[in-house]
Amino acid sequence: MSLQSLALIENWPVPTAAAAVVRADGTVLGIHGPTDHRFPLASVTKPLAAYAALVAYEEGAIELDEPAGPPGATVRHLLAHTSGLAFDEHRVTAPPGQRRLYSNAGFEQLGDHVAKATEIPFAEYLRQAVLDPLGMTSTSLDGSPAKDGVSTVDDLVRFAAELQAPRLLDPRTVAEAMTVQYPGTKGVLPGYGHQNPNDWGLGLEIRDSKSPHWTGGSSSPRTFGHFGQSGTFLWVDPVAGAACVALTDRAFGPWAVEAWPPFTDAVLAEL
């Protein structure tokens, strides 16, 4: 089976694009484009970093509700973008737990916290905890755990299958990561403006009833994932029983706002 809808990436105004759809059992329903091409992930790095932090939690190196980041904040706050840290600066702009302030700085402090607790540099911990076990040999983290990952569609398909049917983590931990943390919290979804509520799990954005949004109009409210400013996204729709990865080498902008939702709707219609 090959999904015809994936060919829609040919119409995107980007130099290079690749996409794939995968079921929970790892069955790849379709691929299009150079799926072995390494793309900068930008913020699609965050779910990978969050998964590594959750491995550290299951190994007993950290606790979700132990202090981390700014005063009063915890590992959970950092994962859920409620630590109060600014977007790209290591300064506090709100008390923990009050607002959904999307924060690269928060993920950098999360990486530092895990590295200190495990006594392993975070990029190396990510490799040992997530990338190697999943066979993601073309993926690396060279810098910030918030945005400096590089990967391929082939590798992210493995991760997308893991999110649907966890082998590295207890399924209950992944269920928690897909559950809204600090319900009712308002905030800005980068590129899509103010959302009330701006629902988020542990390192995973949750679609719920957000509008506008980067997923499709037919995406279920339970859909979760992440998109990146480098023109990349990964979503998992538990109702559809599938996940989709799309990577490009053109920065996110109006083209993506226009192209991504109908693409996702076409994929879901074909499933």
Protein backbone atom coordinates (compact mmCIF):
# COMPACT_ATOMS: atom_id res chain seq x y z
CA MET A 1 0.00 0.00 0.00
CA SER A 2 1.27 3.44 -0.86
CA LEU A 3 -0.59 6.58 0.15
CA GLN A 4 -1.23 8.85 -2.83
CA SER A 5 -1.77 11.79 -0.48
CA LEU A 6 1.94 11.91 0.41
CA ALA A 7 2.68 13.09 -3.14
CA LEU A 8 1.13 16.43 -2.17
CA ILE A 9 4.54 17.41 -0.78
CA GLU A 10 5.59 17.82 -4.45
CA ASN A 11 3.45 20.97 -4.49
CA TRP A 12 5.06 22.51 -1.41
CA PRO A 13 7.28 25.54 -2.19
CA VAL A 14 10.37 23.93 -0.65
CA PRO A 15 13.72 22.76 -2.11
CA THR A 16 13.54 19.30 -0.50
CA ALA A 17 10.78 17.43 1.31
CA ALA A 18 10.17 13.88 2.49
CA ALA A 19 7.23 12.31 4.30
CA ALA A 20 5.96 8.99 5.63
CA VAL A 21 3.03 7.46 7.47
CA VAL A 22 3.47 4.62 9.98
CA ARG A 23 1.17 2.41 12.06
CA ALA A 24 1.77 1.47 15.69
CA ASP A 25 3.20 -1.92 14.71
CA GLY A 26 5.85 -0.22 12.60
CA THR A 27 4.11 -0.89 9.28
CA VAL A 28 5.02 1.96 6.94
CA LEU A 29 1.90 2.75 4.91
CA GLY A 30 3.66 5.09 2.51
CA ILE A 31 6.77 7.17 1.91
CA HIS A 32 7.54 10.00 -0.49
CA GLY A 33 10.75 11.87 -1.20
CA PRO A 34 14.30 11.26 0.06
CA THR A 35 13.49 9.61 3.39
CA ASP A 36 17.20 9.10 4.13
CA HIS A 37 18.02 12.82 3.75
CA ARG A 38 19.16 14.45 7.01
CA PHE A 39 17.16 17.57 7.86
CA PRO A 40 17.55 20.00 10.77
CA LEU A 41 14.56 19.28 13.02
CA ALA A 42 14.31 22.57 14.93
CA SER A 43 11.66 22.00 17.64
CA VAL A 44 10.82 18.46 16.52
CA THR A 45 13.96 17.85 18.61
CA LYS A 46 11.84 18.43 21.76
CA PRO A 47 9.82 15.18 21.72
CA LEU A 48 13.09 13.23 21.37
CA ALA A 49 14.64 15.15 24.28
CA ALA A 50 11.48 14.67 26.34
CA TYR A 51 11.53 10.92 25.66
CA ALA A 52 15.11 10.73 26.92
CA ALA A 53 14.08 12.62 30.06
CA LEU A 54 11.26 10.13 30.60
CA VAL A 55 13.74 7.25 30.28
CA ALA A 56 15.82 8.97 32.96
CA TYR A 57 12.66 9.19 35.09
CA GLU A 58 11.91 5.47 34.66
CA GLU A 59 15.53 4.62 35.47
CA GLY A 60 15.17 6.53 38.73
CA ALA A 61 17.75 9.20 37.86
CA ILE A 62 15.16 11.99 38.12
CA GLU A 63 11.60 12.50 39.38
CA LEU A 64 8.98 14.43 37.42
CA ASP A 65 8.09 16.56 40.42
CA GLU A 66 11.58 17.28 41.74
CA PRO A 67 12.94 20.85 41.57
CA ALA A 68 14.49 21.77 38.20
CA GLY A 69 14.95 25.02 36.33
CA PRO A 70 13.94 28.31 37.95
CA PRO A 71 12.94 28.56 41.65
CA GLY A 72 9.68 26.72 42.34
CA ALA A 73 9.72 24.85 39.03
CA THR A 74 10.01 21.09 38.49
CA VAL A 75 10.98 18.68 35.71
CA ARG A 76 7.27 18.45 34.90
CA HIS A 77 7.02 22.26 34.52
CA LEU A 78 9.99 22.26 32.12
CA LEU A 79 8.50 19.46 30.00
CA ALA A 80 5.08 21.15 29.89
CA HIS A 81 6.33 24.69 29.13
CA THR A 82 4.98 26.05 32.41
CA SER A 83 8.26 26.81 34.22
CA GLY A 84 7.84 30.53 33.62
CA LEU A 85 11.08 30.79 31.63
CA ALA A 86 11.14 33.08 28.61
CA PHE A 87 11.10 31.73 25.04
CA ASP A 88 14.80 31.91 24.24
CA GLU A 89 16.31 33.53 27.31
CA HIS A 90 17.16 32.07 30.68
CA ARG A 91 15.08 34.60 32.59
CA VAL A 92 11.86 34.10 34.52
CA THR A 93 8.78 35.91 33.20
CA ALA A 94 6.01 34.22 35.23
CA PRO A 95 5.57 32.01 38.32
CA PRO A 96 5.68 28.25 37.58
CA GLY A 97 2.42 26.60 36.55
CA GLN A 98 0.50 29.77 35.69
CA ARG A 99 0.98 30.28 31.96
CA ARG A 100 2.04 28.15 29.01
CA LEU A 101 5.17 30.02 27.99
CA TYR A 102 6.72 27.99 25.20
CA SER A 103 10.40 27.91 26.12
CA ASN A 104 13.56 26.70 24.41
CA ALA A 105 15.41 27.80 27.54
CA GLY A 106 13.24 25.41 29.57
CA PHE A 107 14.32 22.45 27.45
CA GLU A 108 17.95 23.53 27.73
CA GLN A 109 17.61 23.55 31.52
CA LEU A 110 15.89 20.15 31.32
CA GLY A 111 18.86 18.80 29.35
CA ASP A 112 21.29 20.21 31.90
CA HIS A 113 19.26 18.67 34.74
CA VAL A 114 19.24 15.20 33.16
CA ALA A 115 22.95 15.43 32.32
CA LYS A 116 23.80 16.35 35.91
CA ALA A 117 21.58 13.59 37.35
CA THR A 118 22.91 10.86 35.03
CA GLU A 119 26.49 12.19 34.84
CA ILE A 120 26.26 11.76 31.04
CA PRO A 121 26.24 14.68 28.55
CA PHE A 122 22.65 15.06 27.36
CA ALA A 123 23.34 14.38 23.68
CA GLU A 124 25.08 11.15 24.65
CA TYR A 125 22.28 10.20 27.04
CA LEU A 126 19.74 10.76 24.25
CA ARG A 127 21.78 8.49 21.99
CA GLN A 128 22.06 5.71 24.57
CA ALA A 129 18.48 5.98 25.87
CA VAL A 130 16.49 6.54 22.68
CA LEU A 131 18.38 6.72 19.39
CA ASP A 132 20.49 3.54 19.60
CA PRO A 133 17.72 1.28 20.96
CA LEU A 134 15.38 2.41 18.17
CA GLY A 135 18.02 2.07 15.46
CA MET A 136 17.96 5.81 14.70
CA THR A 137 21.51 5.80 13.32
CA SER A 138 21.11 8.96 11.21
CA THR A 139 19.92 11.13 14.11
CA SER A 140 22.15 13.33 16.25
CA LEU A 141 21.90 16.20 18.69
CA ASP A 142 24.58 18.82 18.15
CA GLY A 143 23.72 21.57 20.60
CA SER A 144 20.46 22.58 22.27
CA PRO A 145 17.99 19.84 23.32
CA ALA A 146 15.30 22.35 22.33
CA LYS A 147 16.14 22.70 18.65
CA ASP A 148 19.46 21.30 17.40
CA GLY A 149 18.52 17.76 16.40
CA VAL A 150 19.16 16.46 12.88
CA SER A 151 17.35 13.41 11.54
CA THR A 152 15.71 11.62 8.62
CA VAL A 153 12.14 10.56 7.90
CA ASP A 154 13.32 6.93 8.09
CA ASP A 155 14.57 7.47 11.64
CA LEU A 156 11.58 9.47 12.82
CA VAL A 157 9.25 6.75 11.53
CA ARG A 158 10.88 4.47 14.12
CA PHE A 159 10.28 7.06 16.83
CA ALA A 160 6.67 7.61 15.67
CA ALA A 161 6.03 3.85 15.94
CA GLU A 162 7.55 3.90 19.46
CA LEU A 163 5.20 6.73 20.50
CA GLN A 164 2.24 4.59 19.42
CA ALA A 165 3.43 1.27 20.90
CA PRO A 166 6.15 1.99 23.50
CA ARG A 167 8.99 -0.48 24.01
CA LEU A 168 11.52 1.82 25.70
CA LEU A 169 9.04 3.20 28.24
CA ASP A 170 6.15 1.84 30.26
CA PRO A 171 2.96 2.60 28.25
CA ARG A 172 1.60 4.39 31.34
CA THR A 173 4.48 6.88 31.16
CA VAL A 174 3.75 7.61 27.51
CA ALA A 175 0.03 7.92 28.32
CA GLU A 176 0.99 10.55 30.91
CA ALA A 177 3.10 12.37 28.31
CA MET A 178 0.02 12.51 26.03
CA THR A 179 -2.18 13.82 28.86
CA VAL A 180 -2.76 17.55 29.38
CA GLN A 181 -0.51 18.91 32.13
CA TYR A 182 -1.83 21.91 34.07
CA PRO A 183 -5.25 21.89 32.33
CA GLY A 184 -6.80 25.23 31.42
CA THR A 185 -3.45 26.97 30.99
CA LYS A 186 -3.44 29.73 28.38
CA GLY A 187 -0.54 30.65 26.13
CA VAL A 188 0.80 31.34 22.67
CA LEU A 189 1.39 28.50 20.22
CA PRO A 190 4.37 29.77 18.16
CA GLY A 191 3.22 30.68 14.66
CA TYR A 192 -0.46 30.28 15.55
CA GLY A 193 -1.10 32.92 18.18
CA HIS A 194 -2.89 32.90 21.51
CA GLN A 195 -4.72 29.70 22.45
CA ASN A 196 -7.08 29.28 25.40
CA PRO A 197 -6.39 26.68 26.57
CA ASN A 198 -2.97 25.94 25.08
CA ASP A 199 -2.87 22.24 25.94
CA TRP A 200 0.43 20.43 26.27
CA GLY A 201 1.60 17.10 27.63
CA LEU A 202 5.16 16.20 28.66
CA GLY A 203 7.18 17.46 25.70
CA LEU A 204 4.30 16.76 23.32
CA GLU A 205 1.82 19.33 22.08
CA ILE A 206 -1.80 18.14 22.27
CA ARG A 207 -4.19 19.28 19.56
CA ASP A 208 -7.50 19.27 21.48
CA SER A 209 -9.70 22.06 20.08
CA LYS A 210 -6.96 24.51 19.10
CA SER A 211 -7.71 26.76 16.15
CA PRO A 212 -5.84 27.69 14.07
CA HIS A 213 -3.52 24.67 14.18
CA TRP A 214 -0.82 23.00 12.10
CA THR A 215 -2.62 19.62 11.96
CA GLY A 216 -5.78 19.00 9.94
CA GLY A 217 -9.39 19.98 10.42
CA SER A 218 -10.18 16.25 10.61
CA SER A 219 -7.38 15.47 13.09
CA SER A 220 -8.82 14.03 16.29
CA PRO A 221 -8.56 16.14 19.47
CA ARG A 222 -6.28 13.41 20.86
CA THR A 223 -3.68 14.08 18.16
CA PHE A 224 -0.29 14.98 19.62
CA GLY A 225 3.17 15.77 18.30
CA HIS A 226 5.31 18.76 17.42
CA PHE A 227 6.30 21.02 14.57
CA GLY A 228 9.57 22.84 14.01
CA GLN A 229 10.57 26.24 12.66
CA SER A 230 12.74 24.49 10.06
CA GLY A 231 9.56 23.36 8.28
CA THR A 232 9.19 19.98 9.99
CA PHE A 233 6.45 18.10 11.83
CA LEU A 234 5.52 14.81 13.45
CA TRP A 235 1.97 14.01 14.54
CA VAL A 236 0.37 10.92 16.01
CA ASP A 237 -3.41 10.52 15.73
CA PRO A 238 -4.47 7.70 18.10
CA VAL A 239 -7.99 7.67 16.66
CA ALA A 240 -6.65 7.16 13.13
CA GLY A 241 -4.13 4.64 14.45
CA ALA A 242 -1.25 6.21 12.55
CA ALA A 243 1.50 8.81 12.68
CA CYS A 244 2.90 11.11 10.01
CA VAL A 245 6.35 12.66 9.64
CA ALA A 246 7.17 15.41 7.16
CA LEU A 247 10.57 17.12 6.92
CA THR A 248 11.58 20.02 4.67
CA ASP A 249 14.48 22.42 4.32
CA ARG A 250 12.46 25.63 4.20
CA ALA A 251 11.73 27.63 7.34
CA PHE A 252 8.19 27.52 8.70
CA GLY A 253 6.04 30.38 7.46
CA PRO A 254 2.77 31.21 5.68
CA TRP A 255 3.47 28.46 3.13
CA ALA A 256 3.33 25.83 5.90
CA VAL A 257 0.26 27.35 7.56
CA GLU A 258 -1.45 26.99 4.17
CA ALA A 259 -0.04 23.60 3.07
CA TRP A 260 0.09 21.41 6.15
CA PRO A 261 -3.60 21.13 7.24
CA PRO A 262 -4.95 20.03 3.81
CA PHE A 263 -2.05 17.60 3.54
CA THR A 264 -2.91 16.06 6.90
CA ASP A 265 -6.60 15.92 5.99
CA ALA A 266 -5.74 14.14 2.74
CA VAL A 267 -3.61 11.59 4.60
CA LEU A 268 -6.35 10.96 7.17
CA ALA A 269 -8.99 10.60 4.44
CA GLU A 270 -6.87 7.96 2.74
CA LEU A 271 -6.37 5.99 5.95
